[in-house]
Amino acid sequence: MAPDLIGSARTPLGPLELLVAVDEHGSISAAARALALAQPSVSAGLRRLERQTGLGLVVRSHGGTTLTDAGRALVGRARDVLAASDAFDHEVAAMRAERGGRLSVAASLTIAEYLVPRWLAARPAGAAVLDLHVANSRDVMQAVLHGRADLGFVEGPDVDSGLHARAIGHDELLAVVAPEHPWAALNRPVTAAELAAGPLALREAGSGTRATLEQALEAAGHPLASAPAQLGSTAAVKNVVRGGRTAAVLSALTVQDELDRGTLRRVRIDGVDLRRELRMVWSRGREPAAVAREFAATVVAATKEQRQRKPAASAQATASARVETPILR
């Protein structure tokens, strides 16, 4: 007779992910940062895993956290379990997409608001239904890595090693202030040191815009001098800037209307490279479904046409390009 699995106490996936993160990052605090969790939550999760297994898995010290012999013996198996879970989730998503003609796409806020609508308009009639999930660049990559999205679009400077990436456009960050801000009256560029000293209104950690700015300032030798308020949307950042006391660095796509109307002013910045690539990402470990390849080809064709400033292709020509072009490799 088959065993009764209803009451079985299988180890949940969350604690296994914690064990793997500690092994990869060398400490509980670093693992917490990588997983965007509070450090006490990671510690508590590891303690629960130790109680459930009846094994001591980690050794905590002032120099960091290391795995015990038992922990090292189990962490490889934990990775296998997590990979199998990801493969299962992706298989379910792929079957759902193929049967229902649906495509799951995750995109960072700027791309979702200002570029995705153009790409949708370029799709032919009868294309697969697209489910769009909007998140910051870090969370977009996590969604693709774990099979919750077939394709992702990010604007951050770094891409996870588990993902393929292809540039689909370029963007520039602009420093902006309200007309009454002191920088608006300057007849010279603002220096990297002045920009780093702020005060600045910034997006939350994990935002591609924020990561680009932080890396650019560090490359210029002037990292952010303080930890400014973290805001969850570009609209919230612009509202703070309109108060007149705070500057912001935002995508040119997101502030063009305000610059045209004069409600925000651009401030020139000296010695800081604020250009960035916009990229499409997909998993290295999974074969993209046909609907994902088709949409990727549409995106590449649409962005190429925009750069070349040529008339838009007909729906039939776009459909042919999608079928014949091996975009995702």
C-alpha atoms as a PDB file:
ATOM      1  CA  MET A   1       0.000   0.000   0.000  1.00  0.00           C
ATOM      2  CA  ALA A   2       1.329   3.430  -0.931  1.00  0.00           C
ATOM      3  CA  PRO A   3       2.470   5.554   2.015  1.00  0.00           C
ATOM      4  CA  ASP A   4       0.206   8.320   3.217  1.00  0.00           C
ATOM      5  CA  LEU A   5       1.900  11.464   1.938  1.00  0.00           C
ATOM      6  CA  ILE A   6      -0.753  13.869   3.149  1.00  0.00           C
ATOM      7  CA  GLY A   7       0.675  14.018   6.624  1.00  0.00           C
ATOM      8  CA  SER A   8       4.342  13.690   5.669  1.00  0.00           C
ATOM      9  CA  ALA A   9       6.704  16.424   6.811  1.00  0.00           C
ATOM     10  CA  ARG A  10       8.728  17.269   3.724  1.00  0.00           C
ATOM     11  CA  THR A  11      11.336  19.968   4.144  1.00  0.00           C
ATOM     12  CA  PRO A  12      10.043  23.246   2.669  1.00  0.00           C
ATOM     13  CA  LEU A  13      12.045  24.954  -0.063  1.00  0.00           C
ATOM     14  CA  GLY A  14      12.585  28.249   1.785  1.00  0.00           C
ATOM     15  CA  PRO A  15      15.071  26.958   4.385  1.00  0.00           C
ATOM     16  CA  LEU A  16      16.998  25.103   1.678  1.00  0.00           C
ATOM     17  CA  GLU A  17      17.370  28.374  -0.211  1.00  0.00           C
ATOM     18  CA  LEU A  18      18.728  29.965   2.977  1.00  0.00           C
ATOM     19  CA  LEU A  19      21.304  27.199   3.400  1.00  0.00           C
ATOM     20  CA  VAL A  20      22.487  27.592  -0.194  1.00  0.00           C
ATOM     21  CA  ALA A  21      22.673  31.384   0.139  1.00  0.00           C
ATOM     22  CA  VAL A  22      24.830  31.173   3.286  1.00  0.00           C
ATOM     23  CA  ASP A  23      27.175  28.764   1.523  1.00  0.00           C
ATOM     24  CA  GLU A  24      27.440  31.070  -1.498  1.00  0.00           C
ATOM     25  CA  HIS A  25      27.809  34.382   0.345  1.00  0.00           C
ATOM     26  CA  GLY A  26      29.762  33.362   3.442  1.00  0.00           C
ATOM     27  CA  SER A  27      27.636  34.951   6.144  1.00  0.00           C
ATOM     28  CA  ILE A  28      24.060  35.248   7.303  1.00  0.00           C
ATOM     29  CA  SER A  29      24.037  39.011   6.766  1.00  0.00           C
ATOM     30  CA  ALA A  30      25.319  38.689   3.183  1.00  0.00           C
ATOM     31  CA  ALA A  31      22.780  35.940   2.475  1.00  0.00           C
ATOM     32  CA  ALA A  32      20.020  38.173   3.855  1.00  0.00           C
ATOM     33  CA  ARG A  33      21.062  41.019   1.551  1.00  0.00           C
ATOM     34  CA  ALA A  34      21.181  38.731  -1.474  1.00  0.00           C
ATOM     35  CA  LEU A  35      17.697  37.396  -0.753  1.00  0.00           C
ATOM     36  CA  ALA A  36      16.283  40.801   0.278  1.00  0.00           C
ATOM     37  CA  LEU A  37      15.332  39.408   3.698  1.00  0.00           C
ATOM     38  CA  ALA A  38      15.865  40.641   7.241  1.00  0.00           C
ATOM     39  CA  GLN A  39      18.870  39.030   8.920  1.00  0.00           C
ATOM     40  CA  PRO A  40      16.799  37.718  11.881  1.00  0.00           C
ATOM     41  CA  SER A  41      14.486  35.981   9.401  1.00  0.00           C
ATOM     42  CA  VAL A  42      17.413  34.142   7.823  1.00  0.00           C
ATOM     43  CA  SER A  43      18.761  33.122  11.244  1.00  0.00           C
ATOM     44  CA  ALA A  44      15.351  31.878  12.343  1.00  0.00           C
ATOM     45  CA  GLY A  45      14.876  29.927   9.111  1.00  0.00           C
ATOM     46  CA  LEU A  46      18.226  28.179   9.535  1.00  0.00           C
ATOM     47  CA  ARG A  47      17.385  27.280  13.132  1.00  0.00           C
ATOM     48  CA  ARG A  48      14.088  25.747  11.986  1.00  0.00           C
ATOM     49  CA  LEU A  49      15.928  23.712   9.362  1.00  0.00           C
ATOM     50  CA  GLU A  50      18.375  22.468  12.000  1.00  0.00           C
ATOM     51  CA  ARG A  51      15.499  21.473  14.293  1.00  0.00           C
ATOM     52  CA  GLN A  52      13.669  19.695  11.491  1.00  0.00           C
ATOM     53  CA  THR A  53      16.738  17.746  10.327  1.00  0.00           C
ATOM     54  CA  GLY A  54      18.142  17.197  13.830  1.00  0.00           C
ATOM     55  CA  LEU A  55      21.534  18.305  12.504  1.00  0.00           C
ATOM     56  CA  GLY A  56      23.821  21.231  13.165  1.00  0.00           C
ATOM     57  CA  LEU A  57      24.232  22.813   9.743  1.00  0.00           C
ATOM     58  CA  VAL A  58      26.019  26.135  10.296  1.00  0.00           C
ATOM     59  CA  VAL A  59      28.675  27.526  12.596  1.00  0.00           C
ATOM     60  CA  ARG A  60      28.277  31.198  13.444  1.00  0.00           C
ATOM     61  CA  SER A  61      31.301  33.349  14.344  1.00  0.00           C
ATOM     62  CA  HIS A  62      32.432  36.983  14.230  1.00  0.00           C
ATOM     63  CA  GLY A  63      34.259  36.227  10.979  1.00  0.00           C
ATOM     64  CA  GLY A  64      31.162  34.958   9.203  1.00  0.00           C
ATOM     65  CA  THR A  65      29.146  31.776   8.932  1.00  0.00           C
ATOM     66  CA  THR A  66      30.439  28.442   7.674  1.00  0.00           C
ATOM     67  CA  LEU A  67      28.734  25.134   7.065  1.00  0.00           C
ATOM     68  CA  THR A  68      29.391  22.153   9.278  1.00  0.00           C
ATOM     69  CA  ASP A  69      30.331  18.812   7.756  1.00  0.00           C
ATOM     70  CA  ALA A  70      26.634  17.933   7.720  1.00  0.00           C
ATOM     71  CA  GLY A  71      25.790  21.264   6.132  1.00  0.00           C
ATOM     72  CA  ARG A  72      28.375  20.752   3.399  1.00  0.00           C
ATOM     73  CA  ALA A  73      27.076  17.265   2.767  1.00  0.00           C
ATOM     74  CA  LEU A  74      23.505  18.538   2.337  1.00  0.00           C
ATOM     75  CA  VAL A  75      23.977  21.832   0.503  1.00  0.00           C
ATOM     76  CA  GLY A  76      24.600  20.137  -2.844  1.00  0.00           C
ATOM     77  CA  ARG A  77      21.412  18.129  -2.458  1.00  0.00           C
ATOM     78  CA  ALA A  78      19.598  21.352  -1.520  1.00  0.00           C
ATOM     79  CA  ARG A  79      20.755  22.910  -4.787  1.00  0.00           C
ATOM     80  CA  ASP A  80      19.439  19.889  -6.685  1.00  0.00           C
ATOM     81  CA  VAL A  81      16.049  20.174  -4.975  1.00  0.00           C
ATOM     82  CA  LEU A  82      15.775  23.894  -5.763  1.00  0.00           C
ATOM     83  CA  ALA A  83      16.775  23.321  -9.393  1.00  0.00           C
ATOM     84  CA  ALA A  84      14.183  20.558  -9.700  1.00  0.00           C
ATOM     85  CA  SER A  85      11.515  22.833  -8.219  1.00  0.00           C
ATOM     86  CA  ASP A  86      12.415  25.600 -10.694  1.00  0.00           C
ATOM     87  CA  ALA A  87      12.261  23.114 -13.572  1.00  0.00           C
ATOM     88  CA  PHE A  88       8.825  21.936 -12.417  1.00  0.00           C
ATOM     89  CA  ASP A  89       7.496  25.512 -12.190  1.00  0.00           C
ATOM     90  CA  HIS A  90       8.839  26.344 -15.621  1.00  0.00           C
ATOM     91  CA  GLU A  91       7.358  23.205 -17.148  1.00  0.00           C
ATOM     92  CA  VAL A  92       3.959  24.098 -15.714  1.00  0.00           C
ATOM     93  CA  ALA A  93       4.268  27.665 -17.044  1.00  0.00           C
ATOM     94  CA  ALA A  94       5.383  26.439 -20.460  1.00  0.00           C
ATOM     95  CA  MET A  95       2.492  23.978 -20.723  1.00  0.00           C
ATOM     96  CA  ARG A  96       0.046  26.676 -19.669  1.00  0.00           C
ATOM     97  CA  ALA A  97       1.491  29.108 -22.221  1.00  0.00           C
ATOM     98  CA  GLU A  98       1.430  26.587 -25.081  1.00  0.00           C
ATOM     99  CA  ARG A  99      -2.109  25.445 -24.316  1.00  0.00           C
ATOM    100  CA  GLY A 100      -3.568  28.848 -23.581  1.00  0.00           C
ATOM    101  CA  GLY A 101      -1.475  31.008 -25.897  1.00  0.00           C
ATOM    102  CA  ARG A 102      -0.122  33.064 -22.987  1.00  0.00           C
ATOM    103  CA  LEU A 103       3.275  34.590 -22.365  1.00  0.00           C
ATOM    104  CA  SER A 104       4.570  35.757 -18.980  1.00  0.00           C
ATOM    105  CA  VAL A 105       6.859  38.799 -19.154  1.00  0.00           C
ATOM    106  CA  ALA A 106       8.486  40.708 -16.291  1.00  0.00           C
ATOM    107  CA  ALA A 107       9.798  44.223 -16.878  1.00  0.00           C
ATOM    108  CA  SER A 108      11.353  46.956 -14.816  1.00  0.00           C
ATOM    109  CA  LEU A 109       9.208  50.019 -14.166  1.00  0.00           C
ATOM    110  CA  THR A 110      10.702  52.344 -16.794  1.00  0.00           C
ATOM    111  CA  ILE A 111      10.615  49.735 -19.545  1.00  0.00           C
ATOM    112  CA  ALA A 112       7.110  48.590 -18.614  1.00  0.00           C
ATOM    113  CA  GLU A 113       5.663  52.110 -18.692  1.00  0.00           C
ATOM    114  CA  TYR A 114       7.478  53.624 -21.669  1.00  0.00           C
ATOM    115  CA  LEU A 115       8.572  50.812 -24.008  1.00  0.00           C
ATOM    116  CA  VAL A 116       6.344  47.766 -23.553  1.00  0.00           C
ATOM    117  CA  PRO A 117       3.242  49.588 -24.911  1.00  0.00           C
ATOM    118  CA  ARG A 118       5.141  50.301 -28.168  1.00  0.00           C
ATOM    119  CA  TRP A 119       6.127  46.642 -28.457  1.00  0.00           C
ATOM    120  CA  LEU A 120       2.572  45.486 -27.873  1.00  0.00           C
ATOM    121  CA  ALA A 121       1.347  47.817 -30.598  1.00  0.00           C
ATOM    122  CA  ALA A 122       3.819  46.213 -33.036  1.00  0.00           C
ATOM    123  CA  ARG A 123       2.415  42.701 -32.500  1.00  0.00           C
ATOM    124  CA  PRO A 124       0.128  41.198 -35.141  1.00  0.00           C
ATOM    125  CA  ALA A 125      -3.475  40.273 -34.499  1.00  0.00           C
ATOM    126  CA  GLY A 126      -3.868  36.882 -32.884  1.00  0.00           C
ATOM    127  CA  ALA A 127      -0.575  36.977 -30.980  1.00  0.00           C
ATOM    128  CA  ALA A 128      -0.382  35.170 -27.648  1.00  0.00           C
ATOM    129  CA  VAL A 129      -1.905  36.884 -24.620  1.00  0.00           C
ATOM    130  CA  LEU A 130       0.830  38.625 -22.634  1.00  0.00           C
ATOM    131  CA  ASP A 131       0.789  38.753 -18.830  1.00  0.00           C
ATOM    132  CA  LEU A 132       3.008  41.661 -17.745  1.00  0.00           C
ATOM    133  CA  HIS A 133       4.515  41.780 -14.255  1.00  0.00           C
ATOM    134  CA  VAL A 134       6.153  45.070 -13.224  1.00  0.00           C
ATOM    135  CA  ALA A 135       8.992  45.024 -10.679  1.00  0.00           C
ATOM    136  CA  ASN A 136      12.454  46.448 -10.128  1.00  0.00           C
ATOM    137  CA  SER A 137      15.322  44.960 -12.136  1.00  0.00           C
ATOM    138  CA  ARG A 138      16.513  42.660  -9.340  1.00  0.00           C
ATOM    139  CA  ASP A 139      13.052  41.148  -8.890  1.00  0.00           C
ATOM    140  CA  VAL A 140      12.591  40.805 -12.652  1.00  0.00           C
ATOM    141  CA  MET A 141      15.735  38.658 -12.825  1.00  0.00           C
ATOM    142  CA  GLN A 142      14.531  36.537  -9.910  1.00  0.00           C
ATOM    143  CA  ALA A 143      11.202  35.975 -11.663  1.00  0.00           C
ATOM    144  CA  VAL A 144      12.954  34.699 -14.790  1.00  0.00           C
ATOM    145  CA  LEU A 145      15.447  32.589 -12.838  1.00  0.00           C
ATOM    146  CA  HIS A 146      12.672  30.850 -10.904  1.00  0.00           C
ATOM    147  CA  GLY A 147      10.362  30.288 -13.869  1.00  0.00           C
ATOM    148  CA  ARG A 148       7.711  32.830 -12.946  1.00  0.00           C
ATOM    149  CA  ALA A 149       8.389  34.746 -16.172  1.00  0.00           C
ATOM    150  CA  ASP A 150       9.452  33.536 -19.614  1.00  0.00           C
ATOM    151  CA  LEU A 151      11.249  36.778 -20.510  1.00  0.00           C
ATOM    152  CA  GLY A 152      12.512  39.733 -18.515  1.00  0.00           C
ATOM    153  CA  PHE A 153      13.502  43.292 -19.389  1.00  0.00           C
ATOM    154  CA  VAL A 154      15.930  45.091 -17.088  1.00  0.00           C
ATOM    155  CA  GLU A 155      17.755  48.394 -16.921  1.00  0.00           C
ATOM    156  CA  GLY A 156      20.350  47.654 -14.228  1.00  0.00           C
ATOM    157  CA  PRO A 157      24.098  47.452 -14.892  1.00  0.00           C
ATOM    158  CA  ASP A 158      24.476  43.804 -13.803  1.00  0.00           C
ATOM    159  CA  VAL A 159      22.826  40.595 -14.985  1.00  0.00           C
ATOM    160  CA  ASP A 160      22.689  37.377 -12.941  1.00  0.00           C
ATOM    161  CA  SER A 161      25.038  34.661 -14.169  1.00  0.00           C
ATOM    162  CA  GLY A 162      22.102  32.286 -14.582  1.00  0.00           C
ATOM    163  CA  LEU A 163      20.617  34.419 -17.351  1.00  0.00           C
ATOM    164  CA  HIS A 164      21.318  35.095 -21.002  1.00  0.00           C
ATOM    165  CA  ALA A 165      21.108  38.785 -21.926  1.00  0.00           C
ATOM    166  CA  ARG A 166      20.719  40.764 -25.136  1.00  0.00           C
ATOM    167  CA  ALA A 167      20.842  44.550 -25.448  1.00  0.00           C
ATOM    168  CA  ILE A 168      17.604  45.911 -26.899  1.00  0.00           C
ATOM    169  CA  GLY A 169      18.241  49.630 -26.477  1.00  0.00           C
ATOM    170  CA  HIS A 170      20.122  52.382 -24.712  1.00  0.00           C
ATOM    171  CA  ASP A 171      19.059  54.963 -22.172  1.00  0.00           C
ATOM    172  CA  GLU A 172      20.597  57.873 -20.292  1.00  0.00           C
ATOM    173  CA  LEU A 173      19.943  59.023 -16.761  1.00  0.00           C
ATOM    174  CA  LEU A 174      19.424  62.750 -16.262  1.00  0.00           C
ATOM    175  CA  ALA A 175      19.825  64.808 -13.115  1.00  0.00           C
ATOM    176  CA  VAL A 176      16.686  66.897 -12.598  1.00  0.00           C
ATOM    177  CA  VAL A 177      15.539  69.517 -10.104  1.00  0.00           C
ATOM    178  CA  ALA A 178      12.589  71.846  -9.604  1.00  0.00           C
ATOM    179  CA  PRO A 179      12.950  75.353 -11.122  1.00  0.00           C
ATOM    180  CA  GLU A 180      13.464  76.876  -7.659  1.00  0.00           C
ATOM    181  CA  HIS A 181      16.250  74.462  -6.671  1.00  0.00           C
ATOM    182  CA  PRO A 182      19.671  76.195  -6.349  1.00  0.00           C
ATOM    183  CA  TRP A 183      21.186  73.932  -9.012  1.00  0.00           C
ATOM    184  CA  ALA A 184      18.679  75.177 -11.594  1.00  0.00           C
ATOM    185  CA  ALA A 185      20.352  78.606 -11.574  1.00  0.00           C
ATOM    186  CA  LEU A 186      23.928  77.340 -11.955  1.00  0.00           C
ATOM    187  CA  ASN A 187      25.809  78.314 -15.107  1.00  0.00           C
ATOM    188  CA  ARG A 188      28.216  75.386 -14.724  1.00  0.00           C
ATOM    189  CA  PRO A 189      27.871  71.613 -14.449  1.00  0.00           C
ATOM    190  CA  VAL A 190      27.384  69.999 -11.053  1.00  0.00           C
ATOM    191  CA  THR A 191      30.403  67.931 -10.040  1.00  0.00           C
ATOM    192  CA  ALA A 192      30.357  64.253  -9.145  1.00  0.00           C
ATOM    193  CA  ALA A 193      31.151  65.162  -5.531  1.00  0.00           C
ATOM    194  CA  GLU A 194      28.223  67.585  -5.359  1.00  0.00           C
ATOM    195  CA  LEU A 195      25.843  65.056  -6.858  1.00  0.00           C
ATOM    196  CA  ALA A 196      26.959  62.342  -4.432  1.00  0.00           C
ATOM    197  CA  ALA A 197      26.480  64.699  -1.479  1.00  0.00           C
ATOM    198  CA  GLY A 198      22.903  65.411  -2.567  1.00  0.00           C
ATOM    199  CA  PRO A 199      20.368  65.601  -1.129  1.00  0.00           C
ATOM    200  CA  LEU A 200      18.910  63.094  -3.603  1.00  0.00           C
ATOM    201  CA  ALA A 201      15.608  61.276  -3.896  1.00  0.00           C
ATOM    202  CA  LEU A 202      16.272  57.710  -5.056  1.00  0.00           C
ATOM    203  CA  ARG A 203      14.420  54.560  -5.967  1.00  0.00           C
ATOM    204  CA  GLU A 204      14.577  51.524  -3.690  1.00  0.00           C
ATOM    205  CA  ALA A 205      17.479  49.081  -3.549  1.00  0.00           C
ATOM    206  CA  GLY A 206      17.144  46.661  -6.450  1.00  0.00           C
ATOM    207  CA  SER A 207      16.065  49.363  -8.884  1.00  0.00           C
ATOM    208  CA  GLY A 208      18.147  49.453 -12.066  1.00  0.00           C
ATOM    209  CA  THR A 209      18.127  53.261 -12.044  1.00  0.00           C
ATOM    210  CA  ARG A 210      19.557  53.361  -8.549  1.00  0.00           C
ATOM    211  CA  ALA A 211      22.161  50.675  -9.269  1.00  0.00           C
ATOM    212  CA  THR A 212      23.330  52.534 -12.383  1.00  0.00           C
ATOM    213  CA  LEU A 213      23.734  55.774 -10.444  1.00  0.00           C
ATOM    214  CA  GLU A 214      25.562  54.098  -7.553  1.00  0.00           C
ATOM    215  CA  GLN A 215      28.025  52.372  -9.866  1.00  0.00           C
ATOM    216  CA  ALA A 216      28.595  55.536 -11.917  1.00  0.00           C
ATOM    217  CA  LEU A 217      29.367  57.587  -8.797  1.00  0.00           C
ATOM    218  CA  GLU A 218      31.692  54.905  -7.436  1.00  0.00           C
ATOM    219  CA  ALA A 219      33.514  54.817 -10.792  1.00  0.00           C
ATOM    220  CA  ALA A 220      33.898  58.601 -10.567  1.00  0.00           C
ATOM    221  CA  GLY A 221      35.422  58.249  -7.089  1.00  0.00           C
ATOM    222  CA  HIS A 222      32.490  59.754  -5.200  1.00  0.00           C
ATOM    223  CA  PRO A 223      30.097  57.108  -3.806  1.00  0.00           C
ATOM    224  CA  LEU A 224      26.831  58.251  -2.288  1.00  0.00           C
ATOM    225  CA  ALA A 225      27.614  60.091   0.920  1.00  0.00           C
ATOM    226  CA  SER A 226      24.478  59.042   2.776  1.00  0.00           C
ATOM    227  CA  ALA A 227      21.516  56.718   2.650  1.00  0.00           C
ATOM    228  CA  PRO A 228      18.684  58.871   1.246  1.00  0.00           C
ATOM    229  CA  ALA A 229      15.008  58.060   1.389  1.00  0.00           C
ATOM    230  CA  GLN A 230      14.045  55.071  -0.737  1.00  0.00           C
ATOM    231  CA  LEU A 231      10.958  55.497  -2.888  1.00  0.00           C
ATOM    232  CA  GLY A 232       9.103  52.717  -4.634  1.00  0.00           C
ATOM    233  CA  SER A 233       8.220  54.442  -7.901  1.00  0.00           C
ATOM    234  CA  THR A 234       9.474  57.059 -10.347  1.00  0.00           C
ATOM    235  CA  ALA A 235       6.306  59.096  -9.794  1.00  0.00           C
ATOM    236  CA  ALA A 236       7.057  59.282  -6.058  1.00  0.00           C
ATOM    237  CA  VAL A 237      10.615  60.446  -6.771  1.00  0.00           C
ATOM    238  CA  LYS A 238       9.383  63.195  -9.093  1.00  0.00           C
ATOM    239  CA  ASN A 239       6.846  64.363  -6.511  1.00  0.00           C
ATOM    240  CA  VAL A 240       9.634  64.780  -3.935  1.00  0.00           C
ATOM    241  CA  VAL A 241      11.761  66.694  -6.448  1.00  0.00           C
ATOM    242  CA  ARG A 242       8.893  69.087  -7.164  1.00  0.00           C
ATOM    243  CA  GLY A 243       9.158  70.193  -3.535  1.00  0.00           C
ATOM    244  CA  GLY A 244      12.222  72.199  -4.559  1.00  0.00           C
ATOM    245  CA  ARG A 245      14.854  70.981  -2.087  1.00  0.00           C
ATOM    246  CA  THR A 246      15.888  67.633  -3.551  1.00  0.00           C
ATOM    247  CA  ALA A 247      17.457  66.495  -6.814  1.00  0.00           C
ATOM    248  CA  ALA A 248      16.973  63.153  -8.556  1.00  0.00           C
ATOM    249  CA  VAL A 249      18.630  61.126 -11.283  1.00  0.00           C
ATOM    250  CA  LEU A 250      16.055  59.442 -13.529  1.00  0.00           C
ATOM    251  CA  SER A 251      15.732  57.935 -16.981  1.00  0.00           C
ATOM    252  CA  ALA A 252      15.368  60.449 -19.792  1.00  0.00           C
ATOM    253  CA  LEU A 253      12.288  58.469 -20.859  1.00  0.00           C
ATOM    254  CA  THR A 254      10.529  59.255 -17.582  1.00  0.00           C
ATOM    255  CA  VAL A 255      11.171  63.003 -17.332  1.00  0.00           C
ATOM    256  CA  GLN A 256      10.887  64.212 -20.937  1.00  0.00           C
ATOM    257  CA  ASP A 257       7.324  65.506 -20.511  1.00  0.00           C
ATOM    258  CA  GLU A 258       8.251  67.491 -17.373  1.00  0.00           C
ATOM    259  CA  LEU A 259      11.331  68.937 -19.081  1.00  0.00           C
ATOM    260  CA  ASP A 260       9.242  69.994 -22.085  1.00  0.00           C
ATOM    261  CA  ARG A 261       6.694  71.692 -19.799  1.00  0.00           C
ATOM    262  CA  GLY A 262       9.367  73.312 -17.646  1.00  0.00           C
ATOM    263  CA  THR A 263       8.132  71.789 -14.389  1.00  0.00           C
ATOM    264  CA  LEU A 264      11.540  70.125 -13.991  1.00  0.00           C
ATOM    265  CA  ARG A 265      14.946  71.367 -15.101  1.00  0.00           C
ATOM    266  CA  ARG A 266      17.864  69.269 -16.301  1.00  0.00           C
ATOM    267  CA  VAL A 267      21.182  69.797 -14.500  1.00  0.00           C
ATOM    268  CA  ARG A 268      24.396  69.047 -16.326  1.00  0.00           C
ATOM    269  CA  ILE A 269      26.723  66.647 -14.487  1.00  0.00           C
ATOM    270  CA  ASP A 270      30.484  66.656 -14.987  1.00  0.00           C
ATOM    271  CA  GLY A 271      32.562  63.484 -14.827  1.00  0.00           C
ATOM    272  CA  VAL A 272      29.802  60.906 -14.312  1.00  0.00           C
ATOM    273  CA  ASP A 273      28.819  58.477 -17.077  1.00  0.00           C
ATOM    274  CA  LEU A 274      25.083  57.925 -16.723  1.00  0.00           C
ATOM    275  CA  ARG A 275      24.490  55.975 -19.938  1.00  0.00           C
ATOM    276  CA  ARG A 276      23.154  52.434 -19.706  1.00  0.00           C
ATOM    277  CA  GLU A 277      21.924  49.497 -21.744  1.00  0.00           C
ATOM    278  CA  LEU A 278      18.406  48.147 -21.618  1.00  0.00           C
ATOM    279  CA  ARG A 279      18.470  44.360 -21.833  1.00  0.00           C
ATOM    280  CA  MET A 280      16.240  41.393 -22.446  1.00  0.00           C
ATOM    281  CA  VAL A 281      17.029  38.384 -20.233  1.00  0.00           C
ATOM    282  CA  TRP A 282      16.040  34.715 -20.277  1.00  0.00           C
ATOM    283  CA  SER A 283      17.110  31.606 -18.413  1.00  0.00           C
ATOM    284  CA  ARG A 284      20.285  29.722 -19.325  1.00  0.00           C
ATOM    285  CA  GLY A 285      18.777  26.497 -18.029  1.00  0.00           C
ATOM    286  CA  ARG A 286      15.491  26.407 -19.944  1.00  0.00           C
ATOM    287  CA  GLU A 287      14.579  26.320 -23.612  1.00  0.00           C
ATOM    288  CA  PRO A 288      12.402  29.362 -24.444  1.00  0.00           C
ATOM    289  CA  ALA A 289       8.875  28.543 -25.600  1.00  0.00           C
ATOM    290  CA  ALA A 290       7.804  29.507 -29.109  1.00  0.00           C
ATOM    291  CA  VAL A 291       5.669  32.379 -27.830  1.00  0.00           C
ATOM    292  CA  ALA A 292       8.716  33.801 -26.004  1.00  0.00           C
ATOM    293  CA  ARG A 293      10.873  33.601 -29.126  1.00  0.00           C
ATOM    294  CA  GLU A 294       8.177  35.297 -31.161  1.00  0.00           C
ATOM    295  CA  PHE A 295       7.786  38.188 -28.735  1.00  0.00           C
ATOM    296  CA  ALA A 296      11.577  38.586 -28.427  1.00  0.00           C
ATOM    297  CA  ALA A 297      11.844  38.909 -32.197  1.00  0.00           C
ATOM    298  CA  THR A 298       9.073  41.530 -32.189  1.00  0.00           C
ATOM    299  CA  VAL A 299      10.949  43.547 -29.556  1.00  0.00           C
ATOM    300  CA  VAL A 300      14.230  43.400 -31.460  1.00  0.00           C
ATOM    301  CA  ALA A 301      12.528  44.382 -34.722  1.00  0.00           C
ATOM    302  CA  ALA A 302      10.648  47.260 -33.076  1.00  0.00           C
ATOM    303  CA  THR A 303      13.729  48.706 -31.364  1.00  0.00           C
ATOM    304  CA  LYS A 304      15.783  48.381 -34.562  1.00  0.00           C
ATOM    305  CA  GLU A 305      13.125  50.231 -36.527  1.00  0.00           C
ATOM    306  CA  GLN A 306      13.042  52.972 -33.928  1.00  0.00           C
ATOM    307  CA  ARG A 307      16.816  53.445 -34.091  1.00  0.00           C
ATOM    308  CA  GLN A 308      16.777  53.583 -37.860  1.00  0.00           C
ATOM    309  CA  ARG A 309      13.656  55.797 -37.927  1.00  0.00           C
ATOM    310  CA  LYS A 310      12.077  53.746 -40.682  1.00  0.00           C
ATOM    311  CA  PRO A 311       8.326  53.262 -41.221  1.00  0.00           C
ATOM    312  CA  ALA A 312       6.866  50.451 -39.167  1.00  0.00           C
ATOM    313  CA  ALA A 313       6.706  47.082 -40.910  1.00  0.00           C
ATOM    314  CA  SER A 314       3.365  45.533 -41.756  1.00  0.00           C
ATOM    315  CA  ALA A 315       1.911  43.001 -39.361  1.00  0.00           C
ATOM    316  CA  GLN A 316       2.609  40.202 -41.840  1.00  0.00           C
ATOM    317  CA  ALA A 317       6.246  41.234 -42.300  1.00  0.00           C
ATOM    318  CA  THR A 318       6.708  41.451 -38.537  1.00  0.00           C
ATOM    319  CA  ALA A 319       5.188  38.009 -38.076  1.00  0.00           C
ATOM    320  CA  SER A 320       7.548  36.535 -40.688  1.00  0.00           C
ATOM    321  CA  ALA A 321      10.553  38.113 -39.001  1.00  0.00           C
ATOM    322  CA  ARG A 322       9.487  36.617 -35.683  1.00  0.00           C
ATOM    323  CA  VAL A 323       9.299  33.102 -37.065  1.00  0.00           C
ATOM    324  CA  GLU A 324      12.558  33.170 -39.020  1.00  0.00           C
ATOM    325  CA  THR A 325      14.902  35.053 -36.669  1.00  0.00           C
ATOM    326  CA  PRO A 326      16.573  32.978 -33.917  1.00  0.00           C
ATOM    327  CA  ILE A 327      16.586  35.785 -31.352  1.00  0.00           C
ATOM    328  CA  LEU A 328      16.974  33.735 -28.147  1.00  0.00           C
ATOM    329  CA  ARG A 329      20.134  31.656 -28.261  1.00  0.00           C
END
